[in-house]
Amino acid sequence: MKAQVSDYCYMAIDLDGPEFLRDQVAAILRARIESGEYPPRRRIPPEAEFIEEFGVSRPTVRAALAILEDEGRIVTRRGKGRFVAGAES
């Protein structure tokens, strides 16, 4: 059975698993975007919240966010933060 998007929204990070931590964090955040928890053109939580939530380092969170930015799912606005991409991003 294929996992639903919502199944990934609150998965725990597997610190000892074979998948890179950045990829696990990116997958969870991607699922939250796809589920609408983080709606288009809305600001996502700051890095510090993800660091605390997932128990990973700042470089890991930044790498995960860079993946999502490369995919076109989020955009960074200097001095404003990161936002879910949308029609007017």
PDB file of N, CA and C in Angstrom:
ATOM      1  N   MET A   1       0.838  -1.174   0.000  1.00  0.00           N
ATOM      2  CA  MET A   1       0.000   0.000   0.000  1.00  0.00           C
ATOM      3  C   MET A   1       0.888   1.244   0.000  1.00  0.00           C
ATOM      4  N   LYS A   2       0.584   2.189  -0.877  1.00  0.00           N
ATOM      5  CA  LYS A   2       1.360   3.413  -0.977  1.00  0.00           C
ATOM      6  C   LYS A   2       0.975   4.372   0.150  1.00  0.00           C
ATOM      7  N   ALA A   3       1.969   5.020   0.740  1.00  0.00           N
ATOM      8  CA  ALA A   3       1.718   5.962   1.835  1.00  0.00           C
ATOM      9  C   ALA A   3       1.047   7.220   1.305  1.00  0.00           C
ATOM     10  N   GLN A   4       0.147   7.758   2.083  1.00  0.00           N
ATOM     11  CA  GLN A   4      -0.526   9.005   1.749  1.00  0.00           C
ATOM     12  C   GLN A   4       0.377  10.178   2.124  1.00  0.00           C
ATOM     13  N   VAL A   5       0.157  11.323   1.463  1.00  0.00           N
ATOM     14  CA  VAL A   5       0.929  12.523   1.780  1.00  0.00           C
ATOM     15  C   VAL A   5       0.851  12.826   3.264  1.00  0.00           C
ATOM     16  N   SER A   6      -0.348  12.727   3.847  1.00  0.00           N
ATOM     17  CA  SER A   6      -0.523  13.059   5.261  1.00  0.00           C
ATOM     18  C   SER A   6       0.269  12.128   6.177  1.00  0.00           C
ATOM     19  N   ASP A   7       0.590  10.925   5.700  1.00  0.00           N
ATOM     20  CA  ASP A   7       1.383   9.997   6.501  1.00  0.00           C
ATOM     21  C   ASP A   7       2.790  10.543   6.755  1.00  0.00           C
ATOM     22  N   TYR A   8       3.285  11.370   5.845  1.00  0.00           N
ATOM     23  CA  TYR A   8       4.637  11.900   5.955  1.00  0.00           C
ATOM     24  C   TYR A   8       4.714  13.201   6.748  1.00  0.00           C
ATOM     25  N   CYS A   9       3.606  13.868   6.950  1.00  0.00           N
ATOM     26  CA  CYS A   9       3.614  15.198   7.562  1.00  0.00           C
ATOM     27  C   CYS A   9       4.236  15.220   8.947  1.00  0.00           C
ATOM     28  N   TYR A  10       4.056  14.165   9.705  1.00  0.00           N
ATOM     29  CA  TYR A  10       4.558  14.172  11.077  1.00  0.00           C
ATOM     30  C   TYR A  10       5.402  12.952  11.392  1.00  0.00           C
ATOM     31  N   MET A  11       6.069  12.429  10.398  1.00  0.00           N
ATOM     32  CA  MET A  11       6.960  11.305  10.632  1.00  0.00           C
ATOM     33  C   MET A  11       8.163  11.764  11.448  1.00  0.00           C
ATOM     34  N   ALA A  12       8.686  10.873  12.235  1.00  0.00           N
ATOM     35  CA  ALA A  12       9.896  11.168  13.003  1.00  0.00           C
ATOM     36  C   ALA A  12      11.115  10.966  12.108  1.00  0.00           C
ATOM     37  N   ILE A  13      12.137  11.708  12.399  1.00  0.00           N
ATOM     38  CA  ILE A  13      13.398  11.567  11.684  1.00  0.00           C
ATOM     39  C   ILE A  13      14.108  10.325  12.220  1.00  0.00           C
ATOM     40  N   ASP A  14      14.605   9.496  11.308  1.00  0.00           N
ATOM     41  CA  ASP A  14      15.353   8.297  11.690  1.00  0.00           C
ATOM     42  C   ASP A  14      16.837   8.639  11.656  1.00  0.00           C
ATOM     43  N   LEU A  15      17.383   8.970  12.812  1.00  0.00           N
ATOM     44  CA  LEU A  15      18.777   9.400  12.894  1.00  0.00           C
ATOM     45  C   LEU A  15      19.756   8.302  12.499  1.00  0.00           C
ATOM     46  N   ASP A  16      19.342   7.051  12.594  1.00  0.00           N
ATOM     47  CA  ASP A  16      20.224   5.934  12.271  1.00  0.00           C
ATOM     48  C   ASP A  16      19.879   5.266  10.946  1.00  0.00           C
ATOM     49  N   GLY A  17      18.918   5.813  10.229  1.00  0.00           N
ATOM     50  CA  GLY A  17      18.474   5.208   8.977  1.00  0.00           C
ATOM     51  C   GLY A  17      19.437   5.452   7.830  1.00  0.00           C
ATOM     52  N   PRO A  18      19.206   4.765   6.716  1.00  0.00           N
ATOM     53  CA  PRO A  18      20.099   4.877   5.567  1.00  0.00           C
ATOM     54  C   PRO A  18      19.912   6.176   4.766  1.00  0.00           C
ATOM     55  N   GLU A  19      18.779   6.830   4.928  1.00  0.00           N
ATOM     56  CA  GLU A  19      18.504   8.041   4.155  1.00  0.00           C
ATOM     57  C   GLU A  19      19.131   9.257   4.839  1.00  0.00           C
ATOM     58  N   PHE A  20      19.698  10.158   4.037  1.00  0.00           N
ATOM     59  CA  PHE A  20      20.287  11.375   4.591  1.00  0.00           C
ATOM     60  C   PHE A  20      19.242  12.150   5.381  1.00  0.00           C
ATOM     61  N   LEU A  21      19.673  12.764   6.478  1.00  0.00           N
ATOM     62  CA  LEU A  21      18.759  13.548   7.311  1.00  0.00           C
ATOM     63  C   LEU A  21      18.120  14.676   6.511  1.00  0.00           C
ATOM     64  N   ARG A  22      18.898  15.346   5.659  1.00  0.00           N
ATOM     65  CA  ARG A  22      18.353  16.456   4.864  1.00  0.00           C
ATOM     66  C   ARG A  22      17.210  15.974   3.981  1.00  0.00           C
ATOM     67  N   ASP A  23      17.334  14.754   3.441  1.00  0.00           N
ATOM     68  CA  ASP A  23      16.292  14.211   2.574  1.00  0.00           C
ATOM     69  C   ASP A  23      15.043  13.858   3.370  1.00  0.00           C
ATOM     70  N   GLN A  24      15.225  13.376   4.592  1.00  0.00           N
ATOM     71  CA  GLN A  24      14.080  13.066   5.448  1.00  0.00           C
ATOM     72  C   GLN A  24      13.324  14.340   5.821  1.00  0.00           C
ATOM     73  N   VAL A  25      14.067  15.375   6.214  1.00  0.00           N
ATOM     74  CA  VAL A  25      13.432  16.648   6.562  1.00  0.00           C
ATOM     75  C   VAL A  25      12.729  17.228   5.338  1.00  0.00           C
ATOM     76  N   ALA A  26      13.389  17.203   4.191  1.00  0.00           N
ATOM     77  CA  ALA A  26      12.783  17.723   2.962  1.00  0.00           C
ATOM     78  C   ALA A  26      11.500  16.966   2.628  1.00  0.00           C
ATOM     79  N   ALA A  27      11.489  15.651   2.807  1.00  0.00           N
ATOM     80  CA  ALA A  27      10.297  14.848   2.505  1.00  0.00           C
ATOM     81  C   ALA A  27       9.129  15.233   3.405  1.00  0.00           C
ATOM     82  N   ILE A  28       9.408  15.466   4.676  1.00  0.00           N
ATOM     83  CA  ILE A  28       8.344  15.844   5.604  1.00  0.00           C
ATOM     84  C   ILE A  28       7.800  17.222   5.250  1.00  0.00           C
ATOM     85  N   LEU A  29       8.696  18.170   4.991  1.00  0.00           N
ATOM     86  CA  LEU A  29       8.244  19.522   4.645  1.00  0.00           C
ATOM     87  C   LEU A  29       7.515  19.538   3.303  1.00  0.00           C
ATOM     88  N   ARG A  30       7.992  18.732   2.354  1.00  0.00           N
ATOM     89  CA  ARG A  30       7.320  18.610   1.055  1.00  0.00           C
ATOM     90  C   ARG A  30       5.894  18.105   1.247  1.00  0.00           C
ATOM     91  N   ALA A  31       5.735  17.110   2.115  1.00  0.00           N
ATOM     92  CA  ALA A  31       4.400  16.558   2.381  1.00  0.00           C
ATOM     93  C   ALA A  31       3.492  17.609   3.008  1.00  0.00           C
ATOM     94  N   ARG A  32       4.047  18.427   3.882  1.00  0.00           N
ATOM     95  CA  ARG A  32       3.243  19.485   4.501  1.00  0.00           C
ATOM     96  C   ARG A  32       2.804  20.521   3.470  1.00  0.00           C
ATOM     97  N   ILE A  33       3.668  20.803   2.511  1.00  0.00           N
ATOM     98  CA  ILE A  33       3.301  21.734   1.438  1.00  0.00           C
ATOM     99  C   ILE A  33       2.216  21.108   0.571  1.00  0.00           C
ATOM    100  N   GLU A  34       2.417  19.854   0.175  1.00  0.00           N
ATOM    101  CA  GLU A  34       1.456  19.171  -0.697  1.00  0.00           C
ATOM    102  C   GLU A  34       0.101  18.978  -0.028  1.00  0.00           C
ATOM    103  N   SER A  35       0.095  18.805   1.290  1.00  0.00           N
ATOM    104  CA  SER A  35      -1.169  18.598   2.004  1.00  0.00           C
ATOM    105  C   SER A  35      -1.920  19.907   2.234  1.00  0.00           C
ATOM    106  N   GLY A  36      -1.235  21.027   2.025  1.00  0.00           N
ATOM    107  CA  GLY A  36      -1.860  22.324   2.249  1.00  0.00           C
ATOM    108  C   GLY A  36      -1.653  22.863   3.654  1.00  0.00           C
ATOM    109  N   GLU A  37      -0.936  22.114   4.486  1.00  0.00           N
ATOM    110  CA  GLU A  37      -0.649  22.617   5.832  1.00  0.00           C
ATOM    111  C   GLU A  37       0.137  23.924   5.748  1.00  0.00           C
ATOM    112  N   TYR A  38       1.046  23.989   4.782  1.00  0.00           N
ATOM    113  CA  TYR A  38       1.755  25.232   4.476  1.00  0.00           C
ATOM    114  C   TYR A  38       1.190  25.713   3.140  1.00  0.00           C
ATOM    115  N   PRO A  39       0.223  26.631   3.162  1.00  0.00           N
ATOM    116  CA  PRO A  39      -0.442  27.063   1.930  1.00  0.00           C
ATOM    117  C   PRO A  39       0.450  27.927   1.038  1.00  0.00           C
ATOM    118  N   PRO A  40       0.115  28.003  -0.246  1.00  0.00           N
ATOM    119  CA  PRO A  40       0.878  28.832  -1.188  1.00  0.00           C
ATOM    120  C   PRO A  40       0.963  30.284  -0.728  1.00  0.00           C
ATOM    121  N   ARG A  41       2.131  30.864  -0.973  1.00  0.00           N
ATOM    122  CA  ARG A  41       2.421  32.269  -0.687  1.00  0.00           C
ATOM    123  C   ARG A  41       2.437  32.603   0.797  1.00  0.00           C
ATOM    124  N   ARG A  42       2.412  31.598   1.647  1.00  0.00           N
ATOM    125  CA  ARG A  42       2.478  31.819   3.100  1.00  0.00           C
ATOM    126  C   ARG A  42       3.882  31.508   3.596  1.00  0.00           C
ATOM    127  N   ARG A  43       4.291  32.220   4.620  1.00  0.00           N
ATOM    128  CA  ARG A  43       5.612  32.025   5.206  1.00  0.00           C
ATOM    129  C   ARG A  43       5.650  30.694   5.956  1.00  0.00           C
ATOM    130  N   ILE A  44       6.754  29.977   5.791  1.00  0.00           N
ATOM    131  CA  ILE A  44       6.930  28.739   6.551  1.00  0.00           C
ATOM    132  C   ILE A  44       7.647  29.082   7.858  1.00  0.00           C
ATOM    133  N   PRO A  45       7.599  28.192   8.828  1.00  0.00           N
ATOM    134  CA  PRO A  45       8.278  28.466  10.100  1.00  0.00           C
ATOM    135  C   PRO A  45       9.777  28.705   9.895  1.00  0.00           C
ATOM    136  N   PRO A  46      10.392  29.424  10.819  1.00  0.00           N
ATOM    137  CA  PRO A  46      11.831  29.685  10.706  1.00  0.00           C
ATOM    138  C   PRO A  46      12.664  28.427  10.962  1.00  0.00           C
ATOM    139  N   GLU A  47      13.904  28.483  10.512  1.00  0.00           N
ATOM    140  CA  GLU A  47      14.826  27.352  10.668  1.00  0.00           C
ATOM    141  C   GLU A  47      14.870  26.840  12.101  1.00  0.00           C
ATOM    142  N   ALA A  48      14.888  27.759  13.055  1.00  0.00           N
ATOM    143  CA  ALA A  48      15.015  27.369  14.468  1.00  0.00           C
ATOM    144  C   ALA A  48      13.903  26.421  14.901  1.00  0.00           C
ATOM    145  N   GLU A  49      12.710  26.603  14.384  1.00  0.00           N
ATOM    146  CA  GLU A  49      11.602  25.698  14.737  1.00  0.00           C
ATOM    147  C   GLU A  49      11.842  24.297  14.193  1.00  0.00           C
ATOM    148  N   PHE A  50      12.351  24.211  12.972  1.00  0.00           N
ATOM    149  CA  PHE A  50      12.626  22.896  12.386  1.00  0.00           C
ATOM    150  C   PHE A  50      13.785  22.212  13.112  1.00  0.00           C
ATOM    151  N   ILE A  51      14.791  22.992  13.506  1.00  0.00           N
ATOM    152  CA  ILE A  51      15.922  22.438  14.254  1.00  0.00           C
ATOM    153  C   ILE A  51      15.423  21.797  15.542  1.00  0.00           C
ATOM    154  N   GLU A  52      14.568  22.509  16.242  1.00  0.00           N
ATOM    155  CA  GLU A  52      14.028  21.988  17.502  1.00  0.00           C
ATOM    156  C   GLU A  52      13.096  20.801  17.261  1.00  0.00           C
ATOM    157  N   GLU A  53      12.212  20.926  16.275  1.00  0.00           N
ATOM    158  CA  GLU A  53      11.236  19.861  16.009  1.00  0.00           C
ATOM    159  C   GLU A  53      11.902  18.553  15.611  1.00  0.00           C
ATOM    160  N   PHE A  54      12.872  18.632  14.704  1.00  0.00           N
ATOM    161  CA  PHE A  54      13.480  17.418  14.162  1.00  0.00           C
ATOM    162  C   PHE A  54      14.736  16.980  14.907  1.00  0.00           C
ATOM    163  N   GLY A  55      15.303  17.858  15.724  1.00  0.00           N
ATOM    164  CA  GLY A  55      16.517  17.510  16.458  1.00  0.00           C
ATOM    165  C   GLY A  55      17.722  17.345  15.562  1.00  0.00           C
ATOM    166  N   VAL A  56      17.805  18.188  14.538  1.00  0.00           N
ATOM    167  CA  VAL A  56      18.924  18.138  13.598  1.00  0.00           C
ATOM    168  C   VAL A  56      19.645  19.485  13.613  1.00  0.00           C
ATOM    169  N   SER A  57      20.777  19.548  12.930  1.00  0.00           N
ATOM    170  CA  SER A  57      21.581  20.769  12.913  1.00  0.00           C
ATOM    171  C   SER A  57      21.034  21.794  11.915  1.00  0.00           C
ATOM    172  N   ARG A  58      21.482  23.039  12.096  1.00  0.00           N
ATOM    173  CA  ARG A  58      21.094  24.109  11.168  1.00  0.00           C
ATOM    174  C   ARG A  58      21.526  23.794   9.726  1.00  0.00           C
ATOM    175  N   PRO A  59      22.765  23.305   9.489  1.00  0.00           N
ATOM    176  CA  PRO A  59      23.129  22.963   8.109  1.00  0.00           C
ATOM    177  C   PRO A  59      22.213  21.897   7.489  1.00  0.00           C
ATOM    178  N   THR A  60      21.739  20.957   8.299  1.00  0.00           N
ATOM    179  CA  THR A  60      20.818  19.935   7.789  1.00  0.00           C
ATOM    180  C   THR A  60      19.504  20.570   7.366  1.00  0.00           C
ATOM    181  N   VAL A  61      18.975  21.456   8.197  1.00  0.00           N
ATOM    182  CA  VAL A  61      17.722  22.140   7.859  1.00  0.00           C
ATOM    183  C   VAL A  61      17.913  22.999   6.617  1.00  0.00           C
ATOM    184  N   ARG A  62      19.017  23.722   6.553  1.00  0.00           N
ATOM    185  CA  ARG A  62      19.271  24.570   5.381  1.00  0.00           C
ATOM    186  C   ARG A  62      19.401  23.739   4.110  1.00  0.00           C
ATOM    187  N   ALA A  63      20.032  22.577   4.216  1.00  0.00           N
ATOM    188  CA  ALA A  63      20.160  21.700   3.047  1.00  0.00           C
ATOM    189  C   ALA A  63      18.788  21.199   2.601  1.00  0.00           C
ATOM    190  N   ALA A  64      17.929  20.860   3.551  1.00  0.00           N
ATOM    191  CA  ALA A  64      16.571  20.408   3.215  1.00  0.00           C
ATOM    192  C   ALA A  64      15.785  21.527   2.544  1.00  0.00           C
ATOM    193  N   LEU A  65      15.900  22.736   3.074  1.00  0.00           N
ATOM    194  CA  LEU A  65      15.195  23.875   2.484  1.00  0.00           C
ATOM    195  C   LEU A  65      15.743  24.199   1.095  1.00  0.00           C
ATOM    196  N   ALA A  66      17.052  24.017   0.897  1.00  0.00           N
ATOM    197  CA  ALA A  66      17.648  24.236  -0.421  1.00  0.00           C
ATOM    198  C   ALA A  66      17.090  23.246  -1.441  1.00  0.00           C
ATOM    199  N   ILE A  67      16.865  22.014  -1.016  1.00  0.00           N
ATOM    200  CA  ILE A  67      16.260  21.014  -1.908  1.00  0.00           C
ATOM    201  C   ILE A  67      14.885  21.492  -2.354  1.00  0.00           C
ATOM    202  N   LEU A  68      14.084  21.952  -1.394  1.00  0.00           N
ATOM    203  CA  LEU A  68      12.729  22.411  -1.717  1.00  0.00           C
ATOM    204  C   LEU A  68      12.757  23.663  -2.585  1.00  0.00           C
ATOM    205  N   GLU A  69      13.740  24.516  -2.365  1.00  0.00           N
ATOM    206  CA  GLU A  69      13.867  25.712  -3.206  1.00  0.00           C
ATOM    207  C   GLU A  69      14.270  25.317  -4.627  1.00  0.00           C
ATOM    208  N   ASP A  70      15.197  24.374  -4.753  1.00  0.00           N
ATOM    209  CA  ASP A  70      15.607  23.887  -6.077  1.00  0.00           C
ATOM    210  C   ASP A  70      14.442  23.249  -6.827  1.00  0.00           C
ATOM    211  N   GLU A  71      13.531  22.623  -6.088  1.00  0.00           N
ATOM    212  CA  GLU A  71      12.344  22.005  -6.695  1.00  0.00           C
ATOM    213  C   GLU A  71      11.280  23.038  -7.052  1.00  0.00           C
ATOM    214  N   GLY A  72      11.469  24.279  -6.604  1.00  0.00           N
ATOM    215  CA  GLY A  72      10.490  25.324  -6.870  1.00  0.00           C
ATOM    216  C   GLY A  72       9.312  25.315  -5.914  1.00  0.00           C
ATOM    217  N   ARG A  73       9.441  24.619  -4.796  1.00  0.00           N
ATOM    218  CA  ARG A  73       8.338  24.533  -3.828  1.00  0.00           C
ATOM    219  C   ARG A  73       8.332  25.690  -2.837  1.00  0.00           C
ATOM    220  N   ILE A  74       9.509  26.252  -2.563  1.00  0.00           N
ATOM    221  CA  ILE A  74       9.582  27.412  -1.681  1.00  0.00           C
ATOM    222  C   ILE A  74      10.455  28.479  -2.328  1.00  0.00           C
ATOM    223  N   VAL A  75      10.281  29.707  -1.872  1.00  0.00           N
ATOM    224  CA  VAL A  75      11.112  30.821  -2.326  1.00  0.00           C
ATOM    225  C   VAL A  75      11.610  31.567  -1.091  1.00  0.00           C
ATOM    226  N   THR A  76      12.803  32.141  -1.218  1.00  0.00           N
ATOM    227  CA  THR A  76      13.371  32.929  -0.132  1.00  0.00           C
ATOM    228  C   THR A  76      13.279  34.396  -0.501  1.00  0.00           C
ATOM    229  N   ARG A  77      12.763  35.178   0.418  1.00  0.00           N
ATOM    230  CA  ARG A  77      12.696  36.629   0.232  1.00  0.00           C
ATOM    231  C   ARG A  77      13.614  37.252   1.266  1.00  0.00           C
ATOM    232  N   ARG A  78      14.666  37.837   0.778  1.00  0.00           N
ATOM    233  CA  ARG A  78      15.688  38.409   1.661  1.00  0.00           C
ATOM    234  C   ARG A  78      15.060  39.366   2.674  1.00  0.00           C
ATOM    235  N   GLY A  79      15.363  39.124   3.933  1.00  0.00           N
ATOM    236  CA  GLY A  79      14.849  39.954   5.004  1.00  0.00           C
ATOM    237  C   GLY A  79      13.426  39.638   5.428  1.00  0.00           C
ATOM    238  N   LYS A  80      12.775  38.711   4.724  1.00  0.00           N
ATOM    239  CA  LYS A  80      11.375  38.371   5.021  1.00  0.00           C
ATOM    240  C   LYS A  80      11.209  36.926   5.462  1.00  0.00           C
ATOM    241  N   GLY A  81      12.015  36.023   4.910  1.00  0.00           N
ATOM    242  CA  GLY A  81      11.898  34.615   5.254  1.00  0.00           C
ATOM    243  C   GLY A  81      11.656  33.755   4.034  1.00  0.00           C
ATOM    244  N   ARG A  82      11.206  32.545   4.297  1.00  0.00           N
ATOM    245  CA  ARG A  82      10.911  31.589   3.222  1.00  0.00           C
ATOM    246  C   ARG A  82       9.408  31.404   3.120  1.00  0.00           C
ATOM    247  N   PHE A  83       8.945  31.296   1.885  1.00  0.00           N
ATOM    248  CA  PHE A  83       7.522  31.196   1.610  1.00  0.00           C
ATOM    249  C   PHE A  83       7.257  30.032   0.676  1.00  0.00           C
ATOM    250  N   VAL A  84       6.077  29.437   0.816  1.00  0.00           N
ATOM    251  CA  VAL A  84       5.652  28.406  -0.124  1.00  0.00           C
ATOM    252  C   VAL A  84       5.423  29.097  -1.459  1.00  0.00           C
ATOM    253  N   ALA A  85       5.929  28.500  -2.513  1.00  0.00           N
ATOM    254  CA  ALA A  85       5.769  29.075  -3.846  1.00  0.00           C
ATOM    255  C   ALA A  85       4.295  29.102  -4.220  1.00  0.00           C
ATOM    256  N   GLY A  86       3.947  30.080  -4.991  1.00  0.00           N
ATOM    257  CA  GLY A  86       2.576  30.211  -5.458  1.00  0.00           C
ATOM    258  C   GLY A  86       2.562  30.967  -6.762  1.00  0.00           C
ATOM    259  N   ALA A  87       1.387  31.237  -7.251  1.00  0.00           N
ATOM    260  CA  ALA A  87       1.226  31.895  -8.543  1.00  0.00           C
ATOM    261  C   ALA A  87       1.953  33.236  -8.605  1.00  0.00           C
ATOM    262  N   GLU A  88       2.060  33.935  -7.464  1.00  0.00           N
ATOM    263  CA  GLU A  88       2.662  35.265  -7.470  1.00  0.00           C
ATOM    264  C   GLU A  88       3.969  35.318  -6.697  1.00  0.00           C
ATOM    265  N   SER A  89       4.671  34.193  -6.572  1.00  0.00           N
ATOM    266  CA  SER A  89       5.905  34.166  -5.767  1.00  0.00           C
ATOM    267  C   SER A  89       7.022  34.878  -6.439  1.00  0.00           C
TER     268      SER A  89
END
